[in-house]
Amino acid sequence: MPKVLYQRDGRIGRIILNRPEVMNAIDDELPEELATRVAEANADEGVHVIVLSGAGEAFCAGYDLSYYAQATGSQTGTQDMPWDPMKDYSFMMRNTQLFMSLWRSYKPVICKIHGYAVAGGSDIALCCDLIVMEEDARIGYMPARVWGCPTTAMWVYRLGPQRAKRMLFTGDKVDGREAMRIGLVHAAVSAARLDAEVEALAERISTVPINQLMMQKLVINQAVEAMGLHQTQMFATVFDGITRHSPEGIHFKERAEQRGWKQAVRERDEGTFDWTANRPFEDS
């Protein structure tokens, strides 16, 4: 079963993350399949706009921690010590660039968020051109608390320094209403209106010639890229590897192996564990 689906619907290309049993969590194959579907939509001369969504209960819950964090031993994303930073960088930059296929797509990409777009799932969403979000859905990058740095670095380009720092210094999730208020997403609507809102926007864009859409996107994207996007992503991707191999990152990985990734994530997100001292705060 493909982990990312593509279908053409008139002038709209639909790309669907398709691991609903794990809330479309990212594994080693999903990023490459995503980029392949983006290329397919771009090669389809009848498609003017792309809608990206997720099957099941959520858009994307981030990287699959049952594999990357809970499984024991050296593996993709976590190496035994001493670790090779450039080996990690090669893997994560590959994923970053595959996510960025959405940004580089000549055709506009609308991301439809329901449920969750968190951790690596937020990386995917923020590479899209426009985001329409369910009001009660949640978006955030919780690994900023420990064991992660957003490799696409899109938070600062969408929010500006102060609001990006507020999100990444806390690792908080925000709902669609707040995401729209701070300018992270284009629109936030009720669950009942989500499909109709996305369809109306996609249909409107689809009436514009492909070459016009391509030129507008290239002009706007180059303005962002001129602010150092590529260099920022290089730093972020190197630092992401460091976060997973720092003393605190190793403690998080050990905690996930010993207690299960769900408990480690809960302790991380609730702020109840001192990752430097490697013990719950209540034991300090």
C-alpha atoms as a PDB file:
ATOM      1  CA  MET A   1       0.000   0.000   0.000  1.00  0.00           C
ATOM      2  CA  PRO A   2       1.465   3.394  -0.974  1.00  0.00           C
ATOM      3  CA  LYS A   3       2.235   5.642   1.984  1.00  0.00           C
ATOM      4  CA  VAL A   4       1.367   8.727  -0.067  1.00  0.00           C
ATOM      5  CA  LEU A   5      -1.436   8.768  -2.634  1.00  0.00           C
ATOM      6  CA  TYR A   6      -2.028  10.985  -5.668  1.00  0.00           C
ATOM      7  CA  GLN A   7      -5.121  11.531  -7.728  1.00  0.00           C
ATOM      8  CA  ARG A   8      -6.241  14.170 -10.195  1.00  0.00           C
ATOM      9  CA  ASP A   9      -9.634  15.783  -9.736  1.00  0.00           C
ATOM     10  CA  GLY A  10     -10.259  18.163 -12.611  1.00  0.00           C
ATOM     11  CA  ARG A  11      -7.715  20.973 -12.257  1.00  0.00           C
ATOM     12  CA  ILE A  12      -6.857  19.951  -8.677  1.00  0.00           C
ATOM     13  CA  GLY A  13      -4.177  17.409  -7.800  1.00  0.00           C
ATOM     14  CA  ARG A  14      -4.793  15.667  -4.488  1.00  0.00           C
ATOM     15  CA  ILE A  15      -1.890  14.287  -2.451  1.00  0.00           C
ATOM     16  CA  ILE A  16      -2.827  12.277   0.632  1.00  0.00           C
ATOM     17  CA  LEU A  17      -0.525  11.056   3.410  1.00  0.00           C
ATOM     18  CA  ASN A  18      -1.643   7.467   3.839  1.00  0.00           C
ATOM     19  CA  ARG A  19      -0.500   5.909   7.116  1.00  0.00           C
ATOM     20  CA  PRO A  20      -3.750   6.468   9.046  1.00  0.00           C
ATOM     21  CA  GLU A  21      -3.039   3.665  11.519  1.00  0.00           C
ATOM     22  CA  VAL A  22      -0.208   5.795  12.997  1.00  0.00           C
ATOM     23  CA  MET A  23      -1.665   9.254  12.275  1.00  0.00           C
ATOM     24  CA  ASN A  24       0.479   9.446   9.120  1.00  0.00           C
ATOM     25  CA  ALA A  25       3.695   9.337  11.133  1.00  0.00           C
ATOM     26  CA  ILE A  26       6.872   9.769   9.097  1.00  0.00           C
ATOM     27  CA  ASP A  27       9.060   6.735   8.434  1.00  0.00           C
ATOM     28  CA  ASP A  28      12.050   6.272   6.132  1.00  0.00           C
ATOM     29  CA  GLU A  29       9.891   5.908   3.008  1.00  0.00           C
ATOM     30  CA  LEU A  30       7.176   8.554   3.378  1.00  0.00           C
ATOM     31  CA  PRO A  31       9.304  11.654   2.542  1.00  0.00           C
ATOM     32  CA  GLU A  32      10.481  10.174  -0.756  1.00  0.00           C
ATOM     33  CA  GLU A  33       6.971   9.073  -1.698  1.00  0.00           C
ATOM     34  CA  LEU A  34       5.722  12.575  -0.910  1.00  0.00           C
ATOM     35  CA  ALA A  35       8.285  14.182  -3.226  1.00  0.00           C
ATOM     36  CA  THR A  36       7.435  11.660  -5.940  1.00  0.00           C
ATOM     37  CA  ARG A  37       3.747  12.604  -5.745  1.00  0.00           C
ATOM     38  CA  VAL A  38       4.599  16.304  -5.872  1.00  0.00           C
ATOM     39  CA  ALA A  39       6.652  15.684  -9.019  1.00  0.00           C
ATOM     40  CA  GLU A  40       3.768  13.691 -10.478  1.00  0.00           C
ATOM     41  CA  ALA A  41       1.345  16.545  -9.887  1.00  0.00           C
ATOM     42  CA  ASN A  42       3.773  19.053 -11.392  1.00  0.00           C
ATOM     43  CA  ALA A  43       4.174  16.880 -14.488  1.00  0.00           C
ATOM     44  CA  ASP A  44       0.394  16.652 -14.924  1.00  0.00           C
ATOM     45  CA  GLU A  45      -0.386  19.428 -17.402  1.00  0.00           C
ATOM     46  CA  GLY A  46      -4.027  19.530 -16.388  1.00  0.00           C
ATOM     47  CA  VAL A  47      -3.337  20.274 -12.726  1.00  0.00           C
ATOM     48  CA  HIS A  48      -3.227  23.927 -11.631  1.00  0.00           C
ATOM     49  CA  VAL A  49      -3.186  23.563  -7.828  1.00  0.00           C
ATOM     50  CA  ILE A  50      -2.354  20.828  -5.320  1.00  0.00           C
ATOM     51  CA  VAL A  51      -4.215  20.002  -2.094  1.00  0.00           C
ATOM     52  CA  LEU A  52      -2.210  18.081   0.521  1.00  0.00           C
ATOM     53  CA  SER A  53      -4.101  16.282   3.280  1.00  0.00           C
ATOM     54  CA  GLY A  54      -3.822  13.312   5.622  1.00  0.00           C
ATOM     55  CA  ALA A  55      -5.942  10.174   5.799  1.00  0.00           C
ATOM     56  CA  GLY A  56      -7.622   9.199   9.054  1.00  0.00           C
ATOM     57  CA  GLU A  57      -7.695  11.142  12.313  1.00  0.00           C
ATOM     58  CA  ALA A  58      -4.850  13.620  11.731  1.00  0.00           C
ATOM     59  CA  PHE A  59      -2.759  15.341   9.096  1.00  0.00           C
ATOM     60  CA  CYS A  60       0.589  14.122  10.476  1.00  0.00           C
ATOM     61  CA  ALA A  61       1.810  13.279  13.983  1.00  0.00           C
ATOM     62  CA  GLY A  62       5.507  13.733  13.145  1.00  0.00           C
ATOM     63  CA  TYR A  63       8.260  11.124  12.991  1.00  0.00           C
ATOM     64  CA  ASP A  64       7.294   7.585  14.017  1.00  0.00           C
ATOM     65  CA  LEU A  65       8.791   7.439  17.506  1.00  0.00           C
ATOM     66  CA  SER A  66       7.942   3.771  17.949  1.00  0.00           C
ATOM     67  CA  TYR A  67      10.826   3.224  15.527  1.00  0.00           C
ATOM     68  CA  TYR A  68      13.088   6.255  15.837  1.00  0.00           C
ATOM     69  CA  ALA A  69      12.967   6.683  19.636  1.00  0.00           C
ATOM     70  CA  GLN A  70      11.679   3.522  21.304  1.00  0.00           C
ATOM     71  CA  ALA A  71      13.574   0.876  19.324  1.00  0.00           C
ATOM     72  CA  THR A  72      16.933  -0.018  20.857  1.00  0.00           C
ATOM     73  CA  GLY A  73      20.367   0.254  19.279  1.00  0.00           C
ATOM     74  CA  SER A  74      21.871   2.368  16.510  1.00  0.00           C
ATOM     75  CA  GLN A  75      19.505   3.126  13.650  1.00  0.00           C
ATOM     76  CA  THR A  76      18.422   5.835  11.270  1.00  0.00           C
ATOM     77  CA  GLY A  77      18.259   9.049  13.279  1.00  0.00           C
ATOM     78  CA  THR A  78      20.114   7.784  16.345  1.00  0.00           C
ATOM     79  CA  GLN A  79      23.663   6.438  16.341  1.00  0.00           C
ATOM     80  CA  ASP A  80      25.768   4.757  18.967  1.00  0.00           C
ATOM     81  CA  MET A  81      28.555   6.919  20.346  1.00  0.00           C
ATOM     82  CA  PRO A  82      30.813   8.246  18.987  1.00  0.00           C
ATOM     83  CA  TRP A  83      28.382   9.484  16.375  1.00  0.00           C
ATOM     84  CA  ASP A  84      29.091  10.811  12.886  1.00  0.00           C
ATOM     85  CA  PRO A  85      27.374  14.229  12.517  1.00  0.00           C
ATOM     86  CA  MET A  86      27.683  14.199   8.732  1.00  0.00           C
ATOM     87  CA  LYS A  87      26.032  10.792   8.446  1.00  0.00           C
ATOM     88  CA  ASP A  88      23.102  12.169  10.422  1.00  0.00           C
ATOM     89  CA  TYR A  89      23.137  15.399   8.395  1.00  0.00           C
ATOM     90  CA  SER A  90      22.997  13.467   5.112  1.00  0.00           C
ATOM     91  CA  PHE A  91      19.888  11.578   6.212  1.00  0.00           C
ATOM     92  CA  MET A  92      18.042  14.525   7.705  1.00  0.00           C
ATOM     93  CA  MET A  93      18.935  16.981   4.935  1.00  0.00           C
ATOM     94  CA  ARG A  94      17.613  14.417   2.470  1.00  0.00           C
ATOM     95  CA  ASN A  95      14.279  14.467   4.309  1.00  0.00           C
ATOM     96  CA  THR A  96      14.341  18.257   4.560  1.00  0.00           C
ATOM     97  CA  GLN A  97      14.810  18.597   0.817  1.00  0.00           C
ATOM     98  CA  LEU A  98      12.083  16.033   0.138  1.00  0.00           C
ATOM     99  CA  PHE A  99       9.683  18.052   2.315  1.00  0.00           C
ATOM    100  CA  MET A 100      10.827  21.171   0.474  1.00  0.00           C
ATOM    101  CA  SER A 101       9.541  19.678  -2.785  1.00  0.00           C
ATOM    102  CA  LEU A 102       6.257  21.259  -1.664  1.00  0.00           C
ATOM    103  CA  TRP A 103       7.951  24.667  -1.457  1.00  0.00           C
ATOM    104  CA  ARG A 104       9.698  24.182  -4.801  1.00  0.00           C
ATOM    105  CA  SER A 105       6.583  22.862  -6.543  1.00  0.00           C
ATOM    106  CA  TYR A 106       5.811  25.156  -9.466  1.00  0.00           C
ATOM    107  CA  LYS A 107       2.138  24.700  -8.686  1.00  0.00           C
ATOM    108  CA  PRO A 108       0.620  26.155  -5.503  1.00  0.00           C
ATOM    109  CA  VAL A 109       0.118  23.730  -2.618  1.00  0.00           C
ATOM    110  CA  ILE A 110      -2.707  24.108  -0.106  1.00  0.00           C
ATOM    111  CA  CYS A 111      -2.287  22.111   3.103  1.00  0.00           C
ATOM    112  CA  LYS A 112      -5.480  20.953   4.831  1.00  0.00           C
ATOM    113  CA  ILE A 113      -4.900  20.290   8.538  1.00  0.00           C
ATOM    114  CA  HIS A 114      -7.218  18.332  10.777  1.00  0.00           C
ATOM    115  CA  GLY A 115      -6.362  16.665  14.069  1.00  0.00           C
ATOM    116  CA  TYR A 116      -2.633  17.272  14.437  1.00  0.00           C
ATOM    117  CA  ALA A 117       0.260  18.706  12.440  1.00  0.00           C
ATOM    118  CA  VAL A 118       3.015  18.374  15.011  1.00  0.00           C
ATOM    119  CA  ALA A 119       6.784  17.870  15.162  1.00  0.00           C
ATOM    120  CA  GLY A 120       7.923  16.665  11.716  1.00  0.00           C
ATOM    121  CA  GLY A 121       4.314  16.969  10.569  1.00  0.00           C
ATOM    122  CA  SER A 122       4.542  20.725  11.102  1.00  0.00           C
ATOM    123  CA  ASP A 123       7.714  20.727   8.965  1.00  0.00           C
ATOM    124  CA  ILE A 124       5.694  19.258   6.101  1.00  0.00           C
ATOM    125  CA  ALA A 125       2.751  21.617   6.560  1.00  0.00           C
ATOM    126  CA  LEU A 126       4.875  24.766   6.765  1.00  0.00           C
ATOM    127  CA  CYS A 127       6.562  23.960   3.441  1.00  0.00           C
ATOM    128  CA  CYS A 128       3.205  24.437   1.724  1.00  0.00           C
ATOM    129  CA  ASP A 129       2.078  27.748   0.249  1.00  0.00           C
ATOM    130  CA  LEU A 130      -1.225  28.110   2.070  1.00  0.00           C
ATOM    131  CA  ILE A 131      -2.549  26.325   5.148  1.00  0.00           C
ATOM    132  CA  VAL A 132      -6.217  25.937   6.012  1.00  0.00           C
ATOM    133  CA  MET A 133      -6.679  24.457   9.458  1.00  0.00           C
ATOM    134  CA  GLU A 134      -9.503  23.057  11.510  1.00  0.00           C
ATOM    135  CA  GLU A 135     -10.149  25.396  14.455  1.00  0.00           C
ATOM    136  CA  ASP A 136      -9.649  22.669  17.055  1.00  0.00           C
ATOM    137  CA  ALA A 137      -6.671  21.036  15.338  1.00  0.00           C
ATOM    138  CA  ARG A 138      -3.236  21.514  16.894  1.00  0.00           C
ATOM    139  CA  ILE A 139       0.088  22.537  15.401  1.00  0.00           C
ATOM    140  CA  GLY A 140       3.463  22.813  17.097  1.00  0.00           C
ATOM    141  CA  TYR A 141       7.011  21.523  17.360  1.00  0.00           C
ATOM    142  CA  MET A 142       7.251  19.844  20.762  1.00  0.00           C
ATOM    143  CA  PRO A 143      10.723  18.286  20.140  1.00  0.00           C
ATOM    144  CA  ALA A 144      12.107  21.814  20.554  1.00  0.00           C
ATOM    145  CA  ARG A 145      11.956  20.966  24.291  1.00  0.00           C
ATOM    146  CA  VAL A 146      14.385  18.072  23.798  1.00  0.00           C
ATOM    147  CA  TRP A 147      15.448  15.797  20.910  1.00  0.00           C
ATOM    148  CA  GLY A 148      14.713  18.068  17.960  1.00  0.00           C
ATOM    149  CA  CYS A 149      15.214  21.244  15.940  1.00  0.00           C
ATOM    150  CA  PRO A 150      12.843  21.916  13.000  1.00  0.00           C
ATOM    151  CA  THR A 151      15.026  21.242   9.980  1.00  0.00           C
ATOM    152  CA  THR A 152      12.949  23.197   7.465  1.00  0.00           C
ATOM    153  CA  ALA A 153      13.259  26.264   9.741  1.00  0.00           C
ATOM    154  CA  MET A 154       9.983  27.636   8.385  1.00  0.00           C
ATOM    155  CA  TRP A 155       8.766  28.905  11.757  1.00  0.00           C
ATOM    156  CA  VAL A 156      10.890  32.055  11.666  1.00  0.00           C
ATOM    157  CA  TYR A 157      10.015  32.831   8.051  1.00  0.00           C
ATOM    158  CA  ARG A 158       6.282  32.517   8.719  1.00  0.00           C
ATOM    159  CA  LEU A 159       6.119  34.137  12.149  1.00  0.00           C
ATOM    160  CA  GLY A 160       9.138  36.422  12.516  1.00  0.00           C
ATOM    161  CA  PRO A 161      11.758  36.090  15.261  1.00  0.00           C
ATOM    162  CA  GLN A 162       9.728  36.856  18.383  1.00  0.00           C
ATOM    163  CA  ARG A 163       6.755  34.598  17.708  1.00  0.00           C
ATOM    164  CA  ALA A 164       8.994  31.840  16.369  1.00  0.00           C
ATOM    165  CA  LYS A 165      11.013  32.000  19.591  1.00  0.00           C
ATOM    166  CA  ARG A 166       7.846  31.873  21.667  1.00  0.00           C
ATOM    167  CA  MET A 167       6.844  28.640  19.902  1.00  0.00           C
ATOM    168  CA  LEU A 168      10.268  26.980  19.900  1.00  0.00           C
ATOM    169  CA  PHE A 169      11.377  28.050  23.406  1.00  0.00           C
ATOM    170  CA  THR A 170       8.263  26.350  24.835  1.00  0.00           C
ATOM    171  CA  GLY A 171       7.470  23.585  22.358  1.00  0.00           C
ATOM    172  CA  ASP A 172       3.799  24.447  22.840  1.00  0.00           C
ATOM    173  CA  LYS A 173       1.032  23.413  20.490  1.00  0.00           C
ATOM    174  CA  VAL A 174      -1.568  25.977  19.426  1.00  0.00           C
ATOM    175  CA  ASP A 175      -5.014  25.444  17.974  1.00  0.00           C
ATOM    176  CA  GLY A 176      -6.177  26.667  14.592  1.00  0.00           C
ATOM    177  CA  ARG A 177      -7.662  29.890  15.963  1.00  0.00           C
ATOM    178  CA  GLU A 178      -4.381  30.931  17.557  1.00  0.00           C
ATOM    179  CA  ALA A 179      -2.384  29.774  14.530  1.00  0.00           C
ATOM    180  CA  MET A 180      -4.466  32.074  12.340  1.00  0.00           C
ATOM    181  CA  ARG A 181      -4.231  34.962  14.809  1.00  0.00           C
ATOM    182  CA  ILE A 182      -0.429  34.903  14.775  1.00  0.00           C
ATOM    183  CA  GLY A 183      -0.232  34.457  11.007  1.00  0.00           C
ATOM    184  CA  LEU A 184       1.020  30.868  10.946  1.00  0.00           C
ATOM    185  CA  VAL A 185      -1.883  29.679   8.785  1.00  0.00           C
ATOM    186  CA  HIS A 186      -4.089  31.314   6.188  1.00  0.00           C
ATOM    187  CA  ALA A 187      -7.447  30.339   7.694  1.00  0.00           C
ATOM    188  CA  ALA A 188      -8.986  28.370  10.559  1.00  0.00           C
ATOM    189  CA  VAL A 189     -12.540  27.087  10.260  1.00  0.00           C
ATOM    190  CA  SER A 190     -14.831  24.605  11.962  1.00  0.00           C
ATOM    191  CA  ALA A 191     -14.461  20.920  11.192  1.00  0.00           C
ATOM    192  CA  ALA A 192     -17.775  21.054   9.360  1.00  0.00           C
ATOM    193  CA  ARG A 193     -16.491  23.814   7.049  1.00  0.00           C
ATOM    194  CA  LEU A 194     -12.929  22.579   6.496  1.00  0.00           C
ATOM    195  CA  ASP A 195     -13.491  20.678   3.257  1.00  0.00           C
ATOM    196  CA  ALA A 196     -15.653  23.412   1.739  1.00  0.00           C
ATOM    197  CA  GLU A 197     -13.142  26.143   2.646  1.00  0.00           C
ATOM    198  CA  VAL A 198     -10.265  24.242   1.061  1.00  0.00           C
ATOM    199  CA  GLU A 199     -12.285  23.388  -2.031  1.00  0.00           C
ATOM    200  CA  ALA A 200     -13.387  26.986  -2.556  1.00  0.00           C
ATOM    201  CA  LEU A 201      -9.796  28.217  -2.338  1.00  0.00           C
ATOM    202  CA  ALA A 202      -8.488  25.466  -4.612  1.00  0.00           C
ATOM    203  CA  GLU A 203     -11.218  26.044  -7.179  1.00  0.00           C
ATOM    204  CA  ARG A 204     -10.528  29.778  -7.211  1.00  0.00           C
ATOM    205  CA  ILE A 205      -6.788  29.244  -7.738  1.00  0.00           C
ATOM    206  CA  SER A 206      -7.440  26.599 -10.391  1.00  0.00           C
ATOM    207  CA  THR A 207      -8.991  29.190 -12.704  1.00  0.00           C
ATOM    208  CA  VAL A 208      -5.654  31.019 -13.035  1.00  0.00           C
ATOM    209  CA  PRO A 209      -3.248  29.961 -15.836  1.00  0.00           C
ATOM    210  CA  ILE A 210      -0.419  27.702 -14.666  1.00  0.00           C
ATOM    211  CA  ASN A 211       2.265  30.097 -15.904  1.00  0.00           C
ATOM    212  CA  GLN A 212       0.760  32.975 -13.909  1.00  0.00           C
ATOM    213  CA  LEU A 213       0.683  30.886 -10.743  1.00  0.00           C
ATOM    214  CA  MET A 214       4.249  29.742 -11.311  1.00  0.00           C
ATOM    215  CA  MET A 215       5.560  33.282 -11.748  1.00  0.00           C
ATOM    216  CA  GLN A 216       3.830  34.628  -8.616  1.00  0.00           C
ATOM    217  CA  LYS A 217       5.156  31.737  -6.533  1.00  0.00           C
ATOM    218  CA  LEU A 218       8.716  32.067  -7.832  1.00  0.00           C
ATOM    219  CA  VAL A 219       8.776  35.803  -7.112  1.00  0.00           C
ATOM    220  CA  ILE A 220       7.553  35.386  -3.537  1.00  0.00           C
ATOM    221  CA  ASN A 221       9.704  32.339  -2.789  1.00  0.00           C
ATOM    222  CA  GLN A 222      12.905  33.969  -3.994  1.00  0.00           C
ATOM    223  CA  ALA A 223      12.277  36.879  -1.618  1.00  0.00           C
ATOM    224  CA  VAL A 224      12.215  34.407   1.284  1.00  0.00           C
ATOM    225  CA  GLU A 225      15.202  32.473  -0.040  1.00  0.00           C
ATOM    226  CA  ALA A 226      17.186  35.718  -0.331  1.00  0.00           C
ATOM    227  CA  MET A 227      16.863  36.039   3.460  1.00  0.00           C
ATOM    228  CA  GLY A 228      19.097  32.993   3.887  1.00  0.00           C
ATOM    229  CA  LEU A 229      16.615  30.120   3.937  1.00  0.00           C
ATOM    230  CA  HIS A 230      19.101  27.520   2.669  1.00  0.00           C
ATOM    231  CA  GLN A 231      21.801  28.497   5.154  1.00  0.00           C
ATOM    232  CA  THR A 232      19.282  28.501   7.998  1.00  0.00           C
ATOM    233  CA  GLN A 233      18.150  25.009   7.054  1.00  0.00           C
ATOM    234  CA  MET A 234      21.758  23.818   7.029  1.00  0.00           C
ATOM    235  CA  PHE A 235      22.248  25.063  10.608  1.00  0.00           C
ATOM    236  CA  ALA A 236      18.889  23.659  11.722  1.00  0.00           C
ATOM    237  CA  THR A 237      19.611  20.238  10.243  1.00  0.00           C
ATOM    238  CA  VAL A 238      23.053  20.025  11.875  1.00  0.00           C
ATOM    239  CA  PHE A 239      21.584  21.158  15.199  1.00  0.00           C
ATOM    240  CA  ASP A 240      18.740  18.647  14.896  1.00  0.00           C
ATOM    241  CA  GLY A 241      21.328  15.878  14.852  1.00  0.00           C
ATOM    242  CA  ILE A 242      23.096  17.375  17.852  1.00  0.00           C
ATOM    243  CA  THR A 243      19.838  17.503  19.839  1.00  0.00           C
ATOM    244  CA  ARG A 244      19.420  13.746  19.371  1.00  0.00           C
ATOM    245  CA  HIS A 245      23.012  12.981  20.421  1.00  0.00           C
ATOM    246  CA  SER A 246      23.490  15.529  23.221  1.00  0.00           C
ATOM    247  CA  PRO A 247      23.475  14.248  26.832  1.00  0.00           C
ATOM    248  CA  GLU A 248      19.826  15.311  27.129  1.00  0.00           C
ATOM    249  CA  GLY A 249      18.940  13.729  23.804  1.00  0.00           C
ATOM    250  CA  ILE A 250      20.529  10.443  24.856  1.00  0.00           C
ATOM    251  CA  HIS A 251      18.598  10.565  28.133  1.00  0.00           C
ATOM    252  CA  PHE A 252      15.344  11.060  26.199  1.00  0.00           C
ATOM    253  CA  LYS A 253      16.151   8.102  23.936  1.00  0.00           C
ATOM    254  CA  GLU A 254      16.978   5.890  26.922  1.00  0.00           C
ATOM    255  CA  ARG A 255      13.756   6.944  28.643  1.00  0.00           C
ATOM    256  CA  ALA A 256      11.749   6.055  25.523  1.00  0.00           C
ATOM    257  CA  GLU A 257      13.455   2.666  25.334  1.00  0.00           C
ATOM    258  CA  GLN A 258      12.852   1.932  29.016  1.00  0.00           C
ATOM    259  CA  ARG A 259       9.389   3.387  29.587  1.00  0.00           C
ATOM    260  CA  GLY A 260       7.983   3.623  26.067  1.00  0.00           C
ATOM    261  CA  TRP A 261       7.947   6.619  23.751  1.00  0.00           C
ATOM    262  CA  LYS A 262       4.491   7.766  24.864  1.00  0.00           C
ATOM    263  CA  GLN A 263       5.625   8.281  28.463  1.00  0.00           C
ATOM    264  CA  ALA A 264       8.852   9.986  27.362  1.00  0.00           C
ATOM    265  CA  VAL A 265       6.889  12.349  25.119  1.00  0.00           C
ATOM    266  CA  ARG A 266       4.350  13.075  27.857  1.00  0.00           C
ATOM    267  CA  GLU A 267       7.137  13.934  30.327  1.00  0.00           C
ATOM    268  CA  ARG A 268       8.832  16.096  27.695  1.00  0.00           C
ATOM    269  CA  ASP A 269       5.702  17.995  26.723  1.00  0.00           C
ATOM    270  CA  GLU A 270       4.398  18.456  30.276  1.00  0.00           C
ATOM    271  CA  GLY A 271       7.809  19.606  31.534  1.00  0.00           C
ATOM    272  CA  THR A 272       7.928  17.084  34.384  1.00  0.00           C
ATOM    273  CA  PHE A 273      11.354  15.558  33.596  1.00  0.00           C
ATOM    274  CA  ASP A 274      14.796  17.131  33.998  1.00  0.00           C
ATOM    275  CA  TRP A 275      16.625  15.821  30.943  1.00  0.00           C
ATOM    276  CA  THR A 276      19.986  17.212  32.086  1.00  0.00           C
ATOM    277  CA  ALA A 277      19.835  15.567  35.532  1.00  0.00           C
ATOM    278  CA  ASN A 278      18.042  12.571  33.971  1.00  0.00           C
ATOM    279  CA  ARG A 279      15.311  12.337  36.587  1.00  0.00           C
ATOM    280  CA  PRO A 280      11.792  13.646  37.192  1.00  0.00           C
ATOM    281  CA  PHE A 281      11.683  17.138  38.685  1.00  0.00           C
ATOM    282  CA  GLU A 282       9.837  15.779  41.713  1.00  0.00           C
ATOM    283  CA  ASP A 283      12.947  13.726  42.549  1.00  0.00           C
ATOM    284  CA  SER A 284      15.251  16.764  42.449  1.00  0.00           C
END
